[in-house]
PDB file of all heavy atoms in Angstrom:
ATOM      1  N   ALA A   1     -58.041  39.177 -45.772  1.00  0.00           N
ATOM      2  CA  ALA A   1     -57.660  38.504 -44.521  1.00  0.00           C
ATOM      3  C   ALA A   1     -57.472  39.566 -43.442  1.00  0.00           C
ATOM      4  O   ALA A   1     -56.826  40.597 -43.673  1.00  0.00           O
ATOM      5  CB  ALA A   1     -56.372  37.718 -44.714  1.00  0.00           C
ATOM      6  N   ALA A   2     -58.034  39.285 -42.270  1.00  0.00           N
ATOM      7  CA  ALA A   2     -57.913  40.230 -41.154  1.00  0.00           C
ATOM      8  C   ALA A   2     -56.518  40.137 -40.535  1.00  0.00           C
ATOM      9  O   ALA A   2     -55.858  39.100 -40.611  1.00  0.00           O
ATOM     10  CB  ALA A   2     -58.975  39.924 -40.106  1.00  0.00           C
ATOM     11  N   PRO A   3     -56.043  41.213 -39.898  1.00  0.00           N
ATOM     12  CA  PRO A   3     -54.752  41.158 -39.205  1.00  0.00           C
ATOM     13  C   PRO A   3     -54.806  40.156 -38.048  1.00  0.00           C
ATOM     14  O   PRO A   3     -55.890  39.822 -37.547  1.00  0.00           O
ATOM     15  CB  PRO A   3     -54.573  42.586 -38.677  1.00  0.00           C
ATOM     16  CG  PRO A   3     -55.540  43.432 -39.456  1.00  0.00           C
ATOM     17  CD  PRO A   3     -56.676  42.541 -39.801  1.00  0.00           C
ATOM     18  N   ASP A   4     -53.653  39.691 -37.613  1.00  0.00           N
ATOM     19  CA  ASP A   4     -53.580  38.775 -36.477  1.00  0.00           C
ATOM     20  C   ASP A   4     -54.224  39.410 -35.249  1.00  0.00           C
ATOM     21  O   ASP A   4     -54.038  40.596 -34.972  1.00  0.00           O
ATOM     22  CB  ASP A   4     -52.117  38.450 -36.150  1.00  0.00           C
ATOM     23  CG  ASP A   4     -51.481  37.559 -37.213  1.00  0.00           C
ATOM     24  OD1 ASP A   4     -52.243  36.954 -37.999  1.00  0.00           O
ATOM     25  OD2 ASP A   4     -50.229  37.488 -37.264  1.00  0.00           O
ATOM     26  N   GLY A   5     -54.974  38.588 -34.527  1.00  0.00           N
ATOM     27  CA  GLY A   5     -55.600  39.069 -33.298  1.00  0.00           C
ATOM     28  C   GLY A   5     -56.992  39.631 -33.499  1.00  0.00           C
ATOM     29  O   GLY A   5     -57.707  39.901 -32.528  1.00  0.00           O
ATOM     30  N   PHE A   6     -57.391  39.834 -34.763  1.00  0.00           N
ATOM     31  CA  PHE A   6     -58.720  40.410 -35.043  1.00  0.00           C
ATOM     32  C   PHE A   6     -59.729  39.308 -35.337  1.00  0.00           C
ATOM     33  O   PHE A   6     -59.413  38.318 -36.004  1.00  0.00           O
ATOM     34  CB  PHE A   6     -58.653  41.357 -36.246  1.00  0.00           C
ATOM     35  CG  PHE A   6     -58.134  42.728 -35.895  1.00  0.00           C
ATOM     36  CD1 PHE A   6     -56.772  42.940 -35.683  1.00  0.00           C
ATOM     37  CD2 PHE A   6     -59.007  43.798 -35.771  1.00  0.00           C
ATOM     38  CE1 PHE A   6     -56.291  44.198 -35.364  1.00  0.00           C
ATOM     39  CE2 PHE A   6     -58.531  45.060 -35.445  1.00  0.00           C
ATOM     40  CZ  PHE A   6     -57.179  45.268 -35.235  1.00  0.00           C
ATOM     41  N   THR A   7     -60.937  39.486 -34.855  1.00  0.00           N
ATOM     42  CA  THR A   7     -62.039  38.570 -35.139  1.00  0.00           C
ATOM     43  C   THR A   7     -62.833  39.102 -36.319  1.00  0.00           C
ATOM     44  O   THR A   7     -63.222  40.279 -36.332  1.00  0.00           O
ATOM     45  CB  THR A   7     -62.985  38.458 -33.921  1.00  0.00           C
ATOM     46  OG1 THR A   7     -62.231  38.020 -32.788  1.00  0.00           O
ATOM     47  CG2 THR A   7     -64.124  37.496 -34.190  1.00  0.00           C
ATOM     48  N   VAL A   8     -63.049  38.253 -37.334  1.00  0.00           N
ATOM     49  CA  VAL A   8     -63.877  38.643 -38.473  1.00  0.00           C
ATOM     50  C   VAL A   8     -65.345  38.571 -38.056  1.00  0.00           C
ATOM     51  O   VAL A   8     -65.813  37.529 -37.592  1.00  0.00           O
ATOM     52  CB  VAL A   8     -63.617  37.733 -39.696  1.00  0.00           C
ATOM     53  CG1 VAL A   8     -64.535  38.119 -40.852  1.00  0.00           C
ATOM     54  CG2 VAL A   8     -62.157  37.822 -40.119  1.00  0.00           C
ATOM     55  N   LEU A   9     -66.069  39.681 -38.229  1.00  0.00           N
ATOM     56  CA  LEU A   9     -67.442  39.763 -37.721  1.00  0.00           C
ATOM     57  C   LEU A   9     -68.500  39.621 -38.809  1.00  0.00           C
ATOM     58  O   LEU A   9     -69.624  39.206 -38.530  1.00  0.00           O
ATOM     59  CB  LEU A   9     -67.659  41.105 -37.013  1.00  0.00           C
ATOM     60  CG  LEU A   9     -66.700  41.460 -35.869  1.00  0.00           C
ATOM     61  CD1 LEU A   9     -67.043  42.830 -35.317  1.00  0.00           C
ATOM     62  CD2 LEU A   9     -66.763  40.404 -34.760  1.00  0.00           C
ATOM     63  N   ALA A  10     -68.176  39.999 -40.065  1.00  0.00           N
ATOM     64  CA  ALA A  10     -69.212  40.016 -41.099  1.00  0.00           C
ATOM     65  C   ALA A  10     -68.583  39.869 -42.478  1.00  0.00           C
ATOM     66  O   ALA A  10     -67.389  40.116 -42.670  1.00  0.00           O
ATOM     67  CB  ALA A  10     -70.004  41.316 -41.032  1.00  0.00           C
ATOM     68  N   SER A  11     -69.415  39.455 -43.438  1.00  0.00           N
ATOM     69  CA  SER A  11     -68.961  39.320 -44.824  1.00  0.00           C
ATOM     70  C   SER A  11     -70.125  39.640 -45.761  1.00  0.00           C
ATOM     71  O   SER A  11     -71.283  39.713 -45.346  1.00  0.00           O
ATOM     72  CB  SER A  11     -68.459  37.895 -45.085  1.00  0.00           C
ATOM     73  OG  SER A  11     -69.539  36.975 -44.975  1.00  0.00           O
ATOM     74  N   THR A  12     -69.779  39.828 -47.039  1.00  0.00           N
ATOM     75  CA  THR A  12     -70.803  39.958 -48.079  1.00  0.00           C
ATOM     76  C   THR A  12     -70.463  38.940 -49.160  1.00  0.00           C
ATOM     77  O   THR A  12     -69.481  38.196 -49.042  1.00  0.00           O
ATOM     78  CB  THR A  12     -70.808  41.369 -48.701  1.00  0.00           C
ATOM     79  OG1 THR A  12     -69.635  41.529 -49.500  1.00  0.00           O
ATOM     80  CG2 THR A  12     -70.850  42.454 -47.635  1.00  0.00           C
ATOM     81  N   ASP A  13     -71.238  38.930 -50.239  1.00  0.00           N
ATOM     82  CA  ASP A  13     -71.016  37.954 -51.305  1.00  0.00           C
ATOM     83  C   ASP A  13     -69.624  38.085 -51.904  1.00  0.00           C
ATOM     84  O   ASP A  13     -69.030  37.092 -52.338  1.00  0.00           O
ATOM     85  CB  ASP A  13     -72.067  38.121 -52.413  1.00  0.00           C
ATOM     86  CG  ASP A  13     -73.431  37.609 -51.962  1.00  0.00           C
ATOM     87  OD1 ASP A  13     -73.481  36.892 -50.937  1.00  0.00           O
ATOM     88  OD2 ASP A  13     -74.438  37.941 -52.617  1.00  0.00           O
ATOM     89  N   VAL A  14     -69.076  39.314 -51.970  1.00  0.00           N
ATOM     90  CA  VAL A  14     -67.772  39.485 -52.621  1.00  0.00           C
ATOM     91  C   VAL A  14     -66.680  39.962 -51.663  1.00  0.00           C
ATOM     92  O   VAL A  14     -65.523  40.048 -52.055  1.00  0.00           O
ATOM     93  CB  VAL A  14     -67.869  40.481 -53.811  1.00  0.00           C
ATOM     94  CG1 VAL A  14     -68.840  39.979 -54.854  1.00  0.00           C
ATOM     95  CG2 VAL A  14     -68.238  41.872 -53.349  1.00  0.00           C
ATOM     96  N   THR A  15     -67.051  40.255 -50.425  1.00  0.00           N
ATOM     97  CA  THR A  15     -66.066  40.747 -49.454  1.00  0.00           C
ATOM     98  C   THR A  15     -66.004  39.792 -48.263  1.00  0.00           C
ATOM     99  O   THR A  15     -66.913  39.789 -47.426  1.00  0.00           O
ATOM    100  CB  THR A  15     -66.439  42.162 -48.960  1.00  0.00           C
ATOM    101  OG1 THR A  15     -66.555  43.028 -50.094  1.00  0.00           O
ATOM    102  CG2 THR A  15     -65.401  42.720 -48.008  1.00  0.00           C
ATOM    103  N   PRO A  16     -64.959  38.963 -48.170  1.00  0.00           N
ATOM    104  CA  PRO A  16     -64.893  37.979 -47.085  1.00  0.00           C
ATOM    105  C   PRO A  16     -64.742  38.627 -45.708  1.00  0.00           C
ATOM    106  O   PRO A  16     -65.213  38.077 -44.708  1.00  0.00           O
ATOM    107  CB  PRO A  16     -63.673  37.131 -47.441  1.00  0.00           C
ATOM    108  CG  PRO A  16     -62.860  37.951 -48.380  1.00  0.00           C
ATOM    109  CD  PRO A  16     -63.822  38.825 -49.113  1.00  0.00           C
ATOM    110  N   VAL A  17     -64.067  39.767 -45.643  1.00  0.00           N
ATOM    111  CA  VAL A  17     -63.891  40.454 -44.360  1.00  0.00           C
ATOM    112  C   VAL A  17     -64.533  41.839 -44.485  1.00  0.00           C
ATOM    113  O   VAL A  17     -63.939  42.784 -45.002  1.00  0.00           O
ATOM    114  CB  VAL A  17     -62.394  40.598 -43.992  1.00  0.00           C
ATOM    115  CG1 VAL A  17     -62.248  41.270 -42.632  1.00  0.00           C
ATOM    116  CG2 VAL A  17     -61.713  39.238 -43.993  1.00  0.00           C
ATOM    117  N   ALA A  18     -65.781  41.961 -44.025  1.00  0.00           N
ATOM    118  CA  ALA A  18     -66.505  43.232 -44.124  1.00  0.00           C
ATOM    119  C   ALA A  18     -66.525  43.979 -42.795  1.00  0.00           C
ATOM    120  O   ALA A  18     -66.910  45.151 -42.741  1.00  0.00           O
ATOM    121  CB  ALA A  18     -67.932  42.982 -44.605  1.00  0.00           C
ATOM    122  N   ALA A  19     -66.111  43.314 -41.718  1.00  0.00           N
ATOM    123  CA  ALA A  19     -66.023  43.966 -40.403  1.00  0.00           C
ATOM    124  C   ALA A  19     -65.116  43.118 -39.519  1.00  0.00           C
ATOM    125  O   ALA A  19     -65.090  41.887 -39.643  1.00  0.00           O
ATOM    126  CB  ALA A  19     -67.403  44.098 -39.761  1.00  0.00           C
ATOM    127  N   PHE A  20     -64.350  43.797 -38.648  1.00  0.00           N
ATOM    128  CA  PHE A  20     -63.518  43.054 -37.694  1.00  0.00           C
ATOM    129  C   PHE A  20     -63.334  43.869 -36.414  1.00  0.00           C
ATOM    130  O   PHE A  20     -63.645  45.064 -36.373  1.00  0.00           O
ATOM    131  CB  PHE A  20     -62.171  42.629 -38.297  1.00  0.00           C
ATOM    132  CG  PHE A  20     -61.289  43.746 -38.836  1.00  0.00           C
ATOM    133  CD1 PHE A  20     -61.132  44.967 -38.187  1.00  0.00           C
ATOM    134  CD2 PHE A  20     -60.551  43.542 -40.010  1.00  0.00           C
ATOM    135  CE1 PHE A  20     -60.288  45.963 -38.670  1.00  0.00           C
ATOM    136  CE2 PHE A  20     -59.706  44.539 -40.507  1.00  0.00           C
ATOM    137  CZ  PHE A  20     -59.582  45.749 -39.828  1.00  0.00           C
ATOM    138  N   GLU A  21     -62.830  43.198 -35.380  1.00  0.00           N
ATOM    139  CA  GLU A  21     -62.534  43.902 -34.123  1.00  0.00           C
ATOM    140  C   GLU A  21     -61.452  43.165 -33.348  1.00  0.00           C
ATOM    141  O   GLU A  21     -61.267  41.952 -33.501  1.00  0.00           O
ATOM    142  CB  GLU A  21     -63.805  44.033 -33.256  1.00  0.00           C
ATOM    143  CG  GLU A  21     -64.277  42.715 -32.640  1.00  0.00           C
ATOM    144  CD  GLU A  21     -65.532  42.871 -31.774  1.00  0.00           C
ATOM    145  OE1 GLU A  21     -66.206  43.910 -31.893  1.00  0.00           O
ATOM    146  OE2 GLU A  21     -65.832  41.938 -30.998  1.00  0.00           O
ATOM    147  N   ASP A  22     -60.737  43.937 -32.541  1.00  0.00           N
ATOM    148  CA  ASP A  22     -59.816  43.398 -31.545  1.00  0.00           C
ATOM    149  C   ASP A  22     -60.067  44.224 -30.286  1.00  0.00           C
ATOM    150  O   ASP A  22     -59.485  45.293 -30.096  1.00  0.00           O
ATOM    151  CB  ASP A  22     -58.367  43.539 -32.020  1.00  0.00           C
ATOM    152  CG  ASP A  22     -57.369  42.965 -31.010  1.00  0.00           C
ATOM    153  OD1 ASP A  22     -57.766  42.725 -29.835  1.00  0.00           O
ATOM    154  OD2 ASP A  22     -56.181  42.788 -31.365  1.00  0.00           O
ATOM    155  N   THR A  23     -60.964  43.744 -29.439  1.00  0.00           N
ATOM    156  CA  THR A  23     -61.382  44.538 -28.278  1.00  0.00           C
ATOM    157  C   THR A  23     -60.250  44.715 -27.267  1.00  0.00           C
ATOM    158  O   THR A  23     -60.234  45.699 -26.529  1.00  0.00           O
ATOM    159  CB  THR A  23     -62.603  43.901 -27.592  1.00  0.00           C
ATOM    160  OG1 THR A  23     -62.311  42.526 -27.297  1.00  0.00           O
ATOM    161  CG2 THR A  23     -63.832  43.961 -28.486  1.00  0.00           C
ATOM    162  N   ALA A  24     -59.289  43.777 -27.242  1.00  0.00           N
ATOM    163  CA  ALA A  24     -58.158  43.921 -26.316  1.00  0.00           C
ATOM    164  C   ALA A  24     -57.349  45.169 -26.650  1.00  0.00           C
ATOM    165  O   ALA A  24     -56.868  45.880 -25.759  1.00  0.00           O
ATOM    166  CB  ALA A  24     -57.278  42.675 -26.372  1.00  0.00           C
ATOM    167  N   ARG A  25     -57.194  45.433 -27.955  1.00  0.00           N
ATOM    168  CA  ARG A  25     -56.457  46.630 -28.385  1.00  0.00           C
ATOM    169  C   ARG A  25     -57.398  47.806 -28.681  1.00  0.00           C
ATOM    170  O   ARG A  25     -56.964  48.847 -29.136  1.00  0.00           O
ATOM    171  CB  ARG A  25     -55.612  46.303 -29.630  1.00  0.00           C
ATOM    172  CG  ARG A  25     -54.364  45.506 -29.299  1.00  0.00           C
ATOM    173  CD  ARG A  25     -53.441  45.409 -30.519  1.00  0.00           C
ATOM    174  NE  ARG A  25     -53.901  44.394 -31.470  1.00  0.00           N
ATOM    175  CZ  ARG A  25     -53.317  44.147 -32.649  1.00  0.00           C
ATOM    176  NH1 ARG A  25     -52.269  44.877 -33.022  1.00  0.00           N
ATOM    177  NH2 ARG A  25     -53.773  43.204 -33.439  1.00  0.00           N
ATOM    178  N   ARG A  26     -58.692  47.589 -28.450  1.00  0.00           N
ATOM    179  CA  ARG A  26     -59.718  48.622 -28.638  1.00  0.00           C
ATOM    180  C   ARG A  26     -59.708  49.168 -30.076  1.00  0.00           C
ATOM    181  O   ARG A  26     -59.686  50.358 -30.312  1.00  0.00           O
ATOM    182  CB  ARG A  26     -59.569  49.761 -27.623  1.00  0.00           C
ATOM    183  CG  ARG A  26     -59.758  49.296 -26.179  1.00  0.00           C
ATOM    184  CD  ARG A  26     -59.818  50.455 -25.223  1.00  0.00           C
ATOM    185  NE  ARG A  26     -58.557  51.192 -25.191  1.00  0.00           N
ATOM    186  CZ  ARG A  26     -58.395  52.373 -24.609  1.00  0.00           C
ATOM    187  NH1 ARG A  26     -59.416  52.957 -24.012  1.00  0.00           N
ATOM    188  NH2 ARG A  26     -57.210  52.963 -24.614  1.00  0.00           N
ATOM    189  N   MET A  27     -59.709  48.225 -31.025  1.00  0.00           N
ATOM    190  CA  MET A  27     -59.747  48.596 -32.441  1.00  0.00           C
ATOM    191  C   MET A  27     -60.846  47.815 -33.159  1.00  0.00           C
ATOM    192  O   MET A  27     -61.131  46.665 -32.812  1.00  0.00           O
ATOM    193  CB  MET A  27     -58.409  48.292 -33.116  1.00  0.00           C
ATOM    194  CG  MET A  27     -57.279  49.170 -32.651  1.00  0.00           C
ATOM    195  SD  MET A  27     -55.825  48.885 -33.672  1.00  0.00           S
ATOM    196  CE  MET A  27     -54.581  49.640 -32.641  1.00  0.00           C
ATOM    197  N   ALA A  28     -61.446  48.474 -34.154  1.00  0.00           N
ATOM    198  CA  ALA A  28     -62.503  47.825 -34.938  1.00  0.00           C
ATOM    199  C   ALA A  28     -62.662  48.571 -36.251  1.00  0.00           C
ATOM    200  O   ALA A  28     -62.130  49.672 -36.429  1.00  0.00           O
ATOM    201  CB  ALA A  28     -63.823  47.830 -34.165  1.00  0.00           C
ATOM    202  N   GLY A  29     -63.382  47.950 -37.178  1.00  0.00           N
ATOM    203  CA  GLY A  29     -63.625  48.621 -38.451  1.00  0.00           C
ATOM    204  C   GLY A  29     -64.693  47.906 -39.249  1.00  0.00           C
ATOM    205  O   GLY A  29     -65.001  46.739 -39.004  1.00  0.00           O
ATOM    206  N   VAL A  30     -65.277  48.650 -40.200  1.00  0.00           N
ATOM    207  CA  VAL A  30     -66.286  48.081 -41.103  1.00  0.00           C
ATOM    208  C   VAL A  30     -65.998  48.570 -42.518  1.00  0.00           C
ATOM    209  O   VAL A  30     -65.497  49.683 -42.714  1.00  0.00           O
ATOM    210  CB  VAL A  30     -67.726  48.483 -40.699  1.00  0.00           C
ATOM    211  CG1 VAL A  30     -68.125  47.831 -39.373  1.00  0.00           C
ATOM    212  CG2 VAL A  30     -67.887  50.001 -40.609  1.00  0.00           C
ATOM    213  N   GLN A  31     -66.310  47.752 -43.501  1.00  0.00           N
ATOM    214  CA  GLN A  31     -66.094  48.132 -44.891  1.00  0.00           C
ATOM    215  C   GLN A  31     -67.154  49.133 -45.360  1.00  0.00           C
ATOM    216  O   GLN A  31     -66.938  49.884 -46.300  1.00  0.00           O
ATOM    217  CB  GLN A  31     -66.122  46.879 -45.780  1.00  0.00           C
ATOM    218  CG  GLN A  31     -65.925  47.137 -47.257  1.00  0.00           C
ATOM    219  CD  GLN A  31     -64.588  47.805 -47.552  1.00  0.00           C
ATOM    220  OE1 GLN A  31     -63.537  47.196 -47.427  1.00  0.00           O
ATOM    221  NE2 GLN A  31     -64.618  49.083 -47.932  1.00  0.00           N
ATOM    222  N   TRP A  32     -68.285  49.168 -44.682  1.00  0.00           N
ATOM    223  CA  TRP A  32     -69.386  50.023 -45.135  1.00  0.00           C
ATOM    224  C   TRP A  32     -69.341  51.409 -44.477  1.00  0.00           C
ATOM    225  O   TRP A  32     -68.437  51.746 -43.734  1.00  0.00           O
ATOM    226  CB  TRP A  32     -70.714  49.328 -44.902  1.00  0.00           C
ATOM    227  CG  TRP A  32     -71.053  48.962 -43.474  1.00  0.00           C
ATOM    228  CD1 TRP A  32     -71.661  49.751 -42.543  1.00  0.00           C
ATOM    229  CD2 TRP A  32     -70.834  47.699 -42.832  1.00  0.00           C
ATOM    230  NE1 TRP A  32     -71.836  49.065 -41.370  1.00  0.00           N
ATOM    231  CE2 TRP A  32     -71.349  47.808 -41.513  1.00  0.00           C
ATOM    232  CE3 TRP A  32     -70.271  46.483 -43.231  1.00  0.00           C
ATOM    233  CZ2 TRP A  32     -71.306  46.748 -40.593  1.00  0.00           C
ATOM    234  CZ3 TRP A  32     -70.229  45.441 -42.320  1.00  0.00           C
ATOM    235  CH2 TRP A  32     -70.735  45.569 -41.021  1.00  0.00           C
ATOM    236  N   HIS A  33     -70.365  52.201 -44.791  1.00  0.00           N
ATOM    237  CA  HIS A  33     -70.493  53.559 -44.236  1.00  0.00           C
ATOM    238  C   HIS A  33     -71.588  53.559 -43.166  1.00  0.00           C
ATOM    239  O   HIS A  33     -72.767  53.742 -43.486  1.00  0.00           O
ATOM    240  CB  HIS A  33     -70.868  54.557 -45.345  1.00  0.00           C
ATOM    241  CG  HIS A  33     -69.742  54.869 -46.275  1.00  0.00           C
ATOM    242  ND1 HIS A  33     -68.786  55.814 -45.993  1.00  0.00           N
ATOM    243  CD2 HIS A  33     -69.413  54.361 -47.487  1.00  0.00           C
ATOM    244  CE1 HIS A  33     -67.924  55.886 -46.988  1.00  0.00           C
ATOM    245  NE2 HIS A  33     -68.267  55.006 -47.905  1.00  0.00           N
ATOM    246  N   PRO A  34     -71.247  53.412 -41.900  1.00  0.00           N
ATOM    247  CA  PRO A  34     -72.284  53.395 -40.865  1.00  0.00           C
ATOM    248  C   PRO A  34     -72.925  54.762 -40.635  1.00  0.00           C
ATOM    249  O   PRO A  34     -73.986  54.862 -40.029  1.00  0.00           O
ATOM    250  CB  PRO A  34     -71.519  52.933 -39.611  1.00  0.00           C
ATOM    251  CG  PRO A  34     -70.103  53.313 -39.865  1.00  0.00           C
ATOM    252  CD  PRO A  34     -69.901  53.204 -41.344  1.00  0.00           C
ATOM    253  N   GLU A  35     -72.267  55.820 -41.141  1.00  0.00           N
ATOM    254  CA  GLU A  35     -72.753  57.174 -40.856  1.00  0.00           C
ATOM    255  C   GLU A  35     -73.925  57.608 -41.726  1.00  0.00           C
ATOM    256  O   GLU A  35     -74.639  58.563 -41.392  1.00  0.00           O
ATOM    257  CB  GLU A  35     -71.603  58.188 -40.998  1.00  0.00           C
ATOM    258  CG  GLU A  35     -71.158  58.507 -42.409  1.00  0.00           C
ATOM    259  CD  GLU A  35     -70.167  57.502 -42.998  1.00  0.00           C
ATOM    260  OE1 GLU A  35     -70.055  56.374 -42.471  1.00  0.00           O
ATOM    261  OE2 GLU A  35     -69.509  57.850 -43.994  1.00  0.00           O
ATOM    262  N   VAL A  36     -74.141  56.928 -42.885  1.00  0.00           N
ATOM    263  CA  VAL A  36     -75.215  57.368 -43.784  1.00  0.00           C
ATOM    264  C   VAL A  36     -76.532  56.692 -43.423  1.00  0.00           C
ATOM    265  O   VAL A  36     -76.558  55.572 -42.899  1.00  0.00           O
ATOM    266  CB  VAL A  36     -74.864  57.096 -45.269  1.00  0.00           C
ATOM    267  CG1 VAL A  36     -73.571  57.793 -45.662  1.00  0.00           C
ATOM    268  CG2 VAL A  36     -74.782  55.612 -45.557  1.00  0.00           C
TER     269      VAL A  36
END
């Protein structure tokens, strides 16, 4: 479950929250490795 105020952006078969963001607080994250 994402924290309050965050929008869930993506999921996978086993991960319901694979990415989220709260642009008002300028925060975001992804479960994967975007750098590789």
